[in-house]
């Protein structure tokens, strides 16, 4: 897969910020059909770092209700990328 088509966006939350500062773990939203190997290759190619491990999970969409109408948000897939000791991504710094 093309590295630019694997990663959708970085996840910016308090929990991901804390894990990034303490353990050098970065969280990304990725395409549903991307594997761990695709994510590892994409991060190494785009950011020029060495990836130690990749963990993925699929978060289910939530039911939304507005009056009588019920809708559901789409499912999303996230990847938590752990970098080797002493490496970091510059896009999150600053």
N, C-alpha and C. Protein backbone atom coordinates (compact mmCIF):
# COMPACT_ATOMS: atom_id res chain seq x y z
N UNK A 1 0.83 -1.19 0.00
CA UNK A 1 0.00 0.00 0.00
C UNK A 1 0.87 1.25 0.00
N UNK A 2 0.31 2.30 -0.51
CA UNK A 2 0.98 3.59 -0.50
C UNK A 2 1.02 4.12 0.94
N UNK A 3 2.20 4.56 1.43
CA UNK A 3 2.27 5.04 2.82
C UNK A 3 1.32 6.19 3.13
N UNK A 4 1.03 7.01 2.15
CA UNK A 4 0.13 8.15 2.38
C UNK A 4 -1.33 7.71 2.48
N UNK A 5 -1.67 6.53 1.96
CA UNK A 5 -3.05 6.07 2.03
C UNK A 5 -3.32 5.20 3.25
N UNK A 6 -2.29 4.81 3.99
CA UNK A 6 -2.47 3.96 5.18
C UNK A 6 -2.90 4.80 6.37
N UNK A 7 -2.21 5.88 6.65
CA UNK A 7 -2.48 6.71 7.83
C UNK A 7 -3.49 7.79 7.46
N UNK A 8 -4.60 7.83 8.21
CA UNK A 8 -5.64 8.82 7.96
C UNK A 8 -5.32 10.12 8.68
N UNK A 9 -5.08 10.02 10.01
CA UNK A 9 -4.77 11.21 10.80
C UNK A 9 -4.19 10.77 12.13
N UNK A 10 -3.45 11.65 12.81
CA UNK A 10 -3.02 11.33 14.17
C UNK A 10 -4.16 11.55 15.15
N UNK A 11 -4.17 10.77 16.21
CA UNK A 11 -5.18 10.92 17.26
C UNK A 11 -4.58 11.80 18.36
N UNK A 12 -5.22 12.93 18.61
CA UNK A 12 -4.75 13.88 19.62
C UNK A 12 -5.75 13.90 20.77
N UNK A 13 -5.38 13.27 21.86
CA UNK A 13 -6.21 13.25 23.06
C UNK A 13 -5.29 13.26 24.27
N UNK A 14 -5.88 13.43 25.44
CA UNK A 14 -5.06 13.46 26.66
C UNK A 14 -4.38 12.12 26.90
N UNK A 15 -5.07 11.04 26.62
CA UNK A 15 -4.50 9.72 26.84
C UNK A 15 -3.34 9.46 25.86
N UNK A 16 -3.51 9.84 24.60
CA UNK A 16 -2.43 9.62 23.63
C UNK A 16 -1.25 10.56 23.91
N UNK A 17 -1.52 11.77 24.40
CA UNK A 17 -0.44 12.68 24.78
C UNK A 17 0.39 12.13 25.93
N UNK A 18 -0.28 11.54 26.91
CA UNK A 18 0.43 10.99 28.06
C UNK A 18 1.29 9.79 27.65
N UNK A 19 0.76 8.92 26.82
CA UNK A 19 1.55 7.75 26.40
C UNK A 19 2.69 8.16 25.48
N UNK A 20 2.49 9.23 24.73
CA UNK A 20 3.57 9.72 23.85
C UNK A 20 4.72 10.27 24.68
N UNK A 21 4.43 11.00 25.73
CA UNK A 21 5.48 11.60 26.56
C UNK A 21 6.19 10.57 27.42
N UNK A 22 5.44 9.61 27.99
CA UNK A 22 6.03 8.64 28.91
C UNK A 22 6.73 7.50 28.19
N UNK A 23 6.06 6.92 27.17
CA UNK A 23 6.52 5.66 26.61
C UNK A 23 6.89 5.72 25.14
N UNK A 24 6.87 6.88 24.53
CA UNK A 24 7.18 7.04 23.10
C UNK A 24 6.23 6.22 22.23
N UNK A 25 4.93 6.31 22.56
CA UNK A 25 3.89 5.63 21.79
C UNK A 25 3.04 6.68 21.09
N UNK A 26 2.83 6.49 19.80
CA UNK A 26 2.07 7.44 18.99
C UNK A 26 0.84 6.75 18.44
N UNK A 27 -0.30 7.45 18.46
CA UNK A 27 -1.57 6.86 18.05
C UNK A 27 -2.02 7.51 16.74
N UNK A 28 -2.41 6.66 15.79
CA UNK A 28 -2.89 7.12 14.49
C UNK A 28 -4.21 6.44 14.16
N UNK A 29 -5.08 7.15 13.45
CA UNK A 29 -6.24 6.51 12.84
C UNK A 29 -5.78 6.02 11.48
N UNK A 30 -6.10 4.77 11.16
CA UNK A 30 -5.62 4.17 9.92
C UNK A 30 -6.80 3.63 9.11
N UNK A 31 -6.53 3.21 7.88
CA UNK A 31 -7.56 2.61 7.03
C UNK A 31 -7.97 1.26 7.60
N UNK A 32 -9.20 0.86 7.36
CA UNK A 32 -9.71 -0.40 7.92
C UNK A 32 -9.00 -1.62 7.36
N UNK A 33 -8.53 -1.56 6.12
CA UNK A 33 -7.90 -2.73 5.51
C UNK A 33 -6.39 -2.75 5.68
N UNK A 34 -5.83 -1.82 6.44
CA UNK A 34 -4.37 -1.77 6.66
C UNK A 34 -3.98 -2.77 7.75
N UNK A 35 -2.87 -3.46 7.53
CA UNK A 35 -2.37 -4.41 8.52
C UNK A 35 -1.28 -3.75 9.36
N UNK A 36 -0.80 -4.48 10.37
CA UNK A 36 0.27 -3.96 11.21
C UNK A 36 1.54 -3.73 10.40
N UNK A 37 1.79 -4.62 9.45
CA UNK A 37 2.98 -4.50 8.61
C UNK A 37 2.90 -3.27 7.71
N UNK A 38 1.70 -2.97 7.20
CA UNK A 38 1.50 -1.76 6.39
C UNK A 38 1.75 -0.50 7.21
N UNK A 39 1.25 -0.50 8.46
CA UNK A 39 1.42 0.67 9.33
C UNK A 39 2.89 0.86 9.66
N UNK A 40 3.58 -0.21 9.98
CA UNK A 40 5.00 -0.12 10.31
C UNK A 40 5.80 0.42 9.13
N UNK A 41 5.53 -0.09 7.94
CA UNK A 41 6.24 0.38 6.75
C UNK A 41 5.92 1.83 6.45
N UNK A 42 4.67 2.24 6.64
CA UNK A 42 4.26 3.62 6.36
C UNK A 42 4.92 4.60 7.32
N UNK A 43 4.94 4.28 8.62
CA UNK A 43 5.54 5.19 9.60
C UNK A 43 7.05 5.30 9.38
N UNK A 44 7.69 4.17 9.10
CA UNK A 44 9.14 4.21 8.86
C UNK A 44 9.47 4.98 7.58
N UNK A 45 8.63 4.88 6.57
CA UNK A 45 8.90 5.59 5.32
C UNK A 45 8.60 7.08 5.42
N UNK A 46 7.51 7.44 6.09
CA UNK A 46 7.11 8.85 6.15
C UNK A 46 7.93 9.66 7.14
N UNK A 47 8.27 9.08 8.28
CA UNK A 47 8.90 9.85 9.34
C UNK A 47 10.37 9.51 9.57
N UNK A 48 10.90 8.52 8.87
CA UNK A 48 12.32 8.13 8.95
C UNK A 48 12.72 7.79 10.39
N UNK A 49 11.96 6.86 11.01
CA UNK A 49 12.25 6.36 12.36
C UNK A 49 12.18 4.84 12.33
N UNK A 50 12.63 4.20 13.41
CA UNK A 50 12.55 2.75 13.55
C UNK A 50 11.40 2.40 14.49
N UNK A 51 10.50 1.56 14.03
CA UNK A 51 9.33 1.17 14.79
C UNK A 51 9.63 -0.13 15.54
N UNK A 52 9.34 -0.13 16.85
CA UNK A 52 9.56 -1.33 17.66
C UNK A 52 8.35 -2.26 17.57
N UNK A 53 7.13 -1.72 17.70
CA UNK A 53 5.94 -2.56 17.63
C UNK A 53 4.74 -1.73 17.21
N UNK A 54 3.70 -2.43 16.74
CA UNK A 54 2.44 -1.80 16.34
C UNK A 54 1.30 -2.60 16.93
N UNK A 55 0.40 -1.94 17.63
CA UNK A 55 -0.83 -2.55 18.14
C UNK A 55 -2.01 -1.87 17.46
N UNK A 56 -2.98 -2.68 17.00
CA UNK A 56 -4.15 -2.13 16.33
C UNK A 56 -5.42 -2.52 17.07
N UNK A 57 -6.45 -1.69 16.90
CA UNK A 57 -7.76 -2.01 17.46
C UNK A 57 -8.82 -1.33 16.59
N UNK A 58 -10.00 -1.95 16.58
CA UNK A 58 -11.14 -1.39 15.86
C UNK A 58 -12.13 -0.88 16.89
N UNK A 59 -12.45 0.40 16.82
CA UNK A 59 -13.44 0.98 17.73
C UNK A 59 -14.77 1.01 17.01
N UNK A 60 -15.79 0.53 17.67
CA UNK A 60 -17.11 0.46 17.06
C UNK A 60 -17.75 1.84 17.04
N UNK A 61 -18.58 2.07 16.05
CA UNK A 61 -19.29 3.33 15.95
C UNK A 61 -20.36 3.46 17.03
N UNK A 62 -20.69 4.69 17.38
CA UNK A 62 -21.66 4.94 18.44
C UNK A 62 -23.03 5.25 17.84
N UNK A 63 -24.06 4.83 18.56
CA UNK A 63 -25.42 5.15 18.15
C UNK A 63 -25.71 6.60 18.54
N UNK A 64 -26.23 7.36 17.61
CA UNK A 64 -26.61 8.75 17.85
C UNK A 64 -28.12 8.85 17.66
N UNK A 65 -28.74 9.65 18.50
CA UNK A 65 -30.18 9.78 18.41
C UNK A 65 -30.55 11.26 18.47
N UNK A 66 -31.39 11.66 17.55
CA UNK A 66 -31.89 13.03 17.53
C UNK A 66 -33.39 12.95 17.28
N UNK A 67 -34.15 13.04 18.37
CA UNK A 67 -35.59 12.88 18.25
C UNK A 67 -35.94 11.44 17.89
N UNK A 68 -36.69 11.27 16.81
CA UNK A 68 -37.07 9.94 16.36
C UNK A 68 -35.98 9.27 15.54
N UNK A 69 -35.08 10.05 15.00
CA UNK A 69 -34.10 9.53 14.07
C UNK A 69 -32.89 8.96 14.80
N UNK A 70 -32.49 7.78 14.39
CA UNK A 70 -31.34 7.10 14.98
C UNK A 70 -30.31 6.88 13.88
N UNK A 71 -29.08 7.24 14.16
CA UNK A 71 -28.01 7.00 13.20
C UNK A 71 -26.81 6.43 13.94
N UNK A 72 -25.84 5.95 13.19
CA UNK A 72 -24.67 5.35 13.81
C UNK A 72 -23.43 5.90 13.13
N UNK A 73 -22.44 6.30 13.94
CA UNK A 73 -21.19 6.76 13.36
C UNK A 73 -20.40 5.54 12.87
N UNK A 74 -19.47 5.76 11.98
CA UNK A 74 -18.76 4.64 11.37
C UNK A 74 -17.70 4.07 12.31
N UNK A 75 -17.35 2.80 12.05
CA UNK A 75 -16.29 2.16 12.81
C UNK A 75 -14.95 2.74 12.39
N UNK A 76 -13.99 2.76 13.32
CA UNK A 76 -12.67 3.30 13.03
C UNK A 76 -11.62 2.31 13.49
N UNK A 77 -10.48 2.35 12.84
CA UNK A 77 -9.36 1.49 13.24
C UNK A 77 -8.22 2.39 13.66
N UNK A 78 -7.63 2.07 14.83
CA UNK A 78 -6.52 2.85 15.35
C UNK A 78 -5.29 1.98 15.48
N UNK A 79 -4.13 2.62 15.39
CA UNK A 79 -2.86 1.92 15.58
C UNK A 79 -2.03 2.70 16.60
N UNK A 80 -1.48 1.97 17.57
CA UNK A 80 -0.57 2.55 18.54
C UNK A 80 0.83 2.07 18.16
N UNK A 81 1.67 3.03 17.75
CA UNK A 81 3.01 2.72 17.24
C UNK A 81 4.03 3.04 18.33
N UNK A 82 4.84 2.05 18.70
CA UNK A 82 5.90 2.23 19.68
C UNK A 82 7.22 2.35 18.94
N UNK A 83 7.96 3.42 19.23
CA UNK A 83 9.25 3.65 18.58
C UNK A 83 10.38 3.10 19.44
N UNK A 84 11.53 2.90 18.82
CA UNK A 84 12.71 2.45 19.56
C UNK A 84 13.16 3.55 20.52
N UNK A 85 13.97 3.17 21.48
CA UNK A 85 14.45 4.06 22.53
C UNK A 85 15.14 5.29 21.94
N UNK A 86 14.77 6.48 22.41
CA UNK A 86 15.44 7.72 22.00
C UNK A 86 14.93 8.34 20.72
N UNK A 87 13.93 7.74 20.05
CA UNK A 87 13.42 8.33 18.82
C UNK A 87 12.08 8.98 19.09
N UNK A 88 11.76 10.00 18.29
CA UNK A 88 10.47 10.67 18.41
C UNK A 88 10.07 11.24 17.06
N UNK A 89 8.79 11.57 16.93
CA UNK A 89 8.27 12.16 15.72
C UNK A 89 8.18 13.66 15.89
N UNK A 90 8.72 14.39 14.93
CA UNK A 90 8.79 15.85 15.05
C UNK A 90 7.45 16.53 14.83
N UNK A 91 6.48 15.86 14.18
CA UNK A 91 5.20 16.51 13.92
C UNK A 91 4.41 16.73 15.19
N UNK A 92 4.67 15.95 16.25
CA UNK A 92 3.95 16.10 17.50
C UNK A 92 4.63 17.09 18.44
N UNK A 93 5.87 17.41 18.19
CA UNK A 93 6.61 18.31 19.07
C UNK A 93 6.40 19.76 18.62
N UNK A 94 6.24 20.66 19.57
CA UNK A 94 6.18 22.06 19.21
C UNK A 94 4.90 22.70 19.36
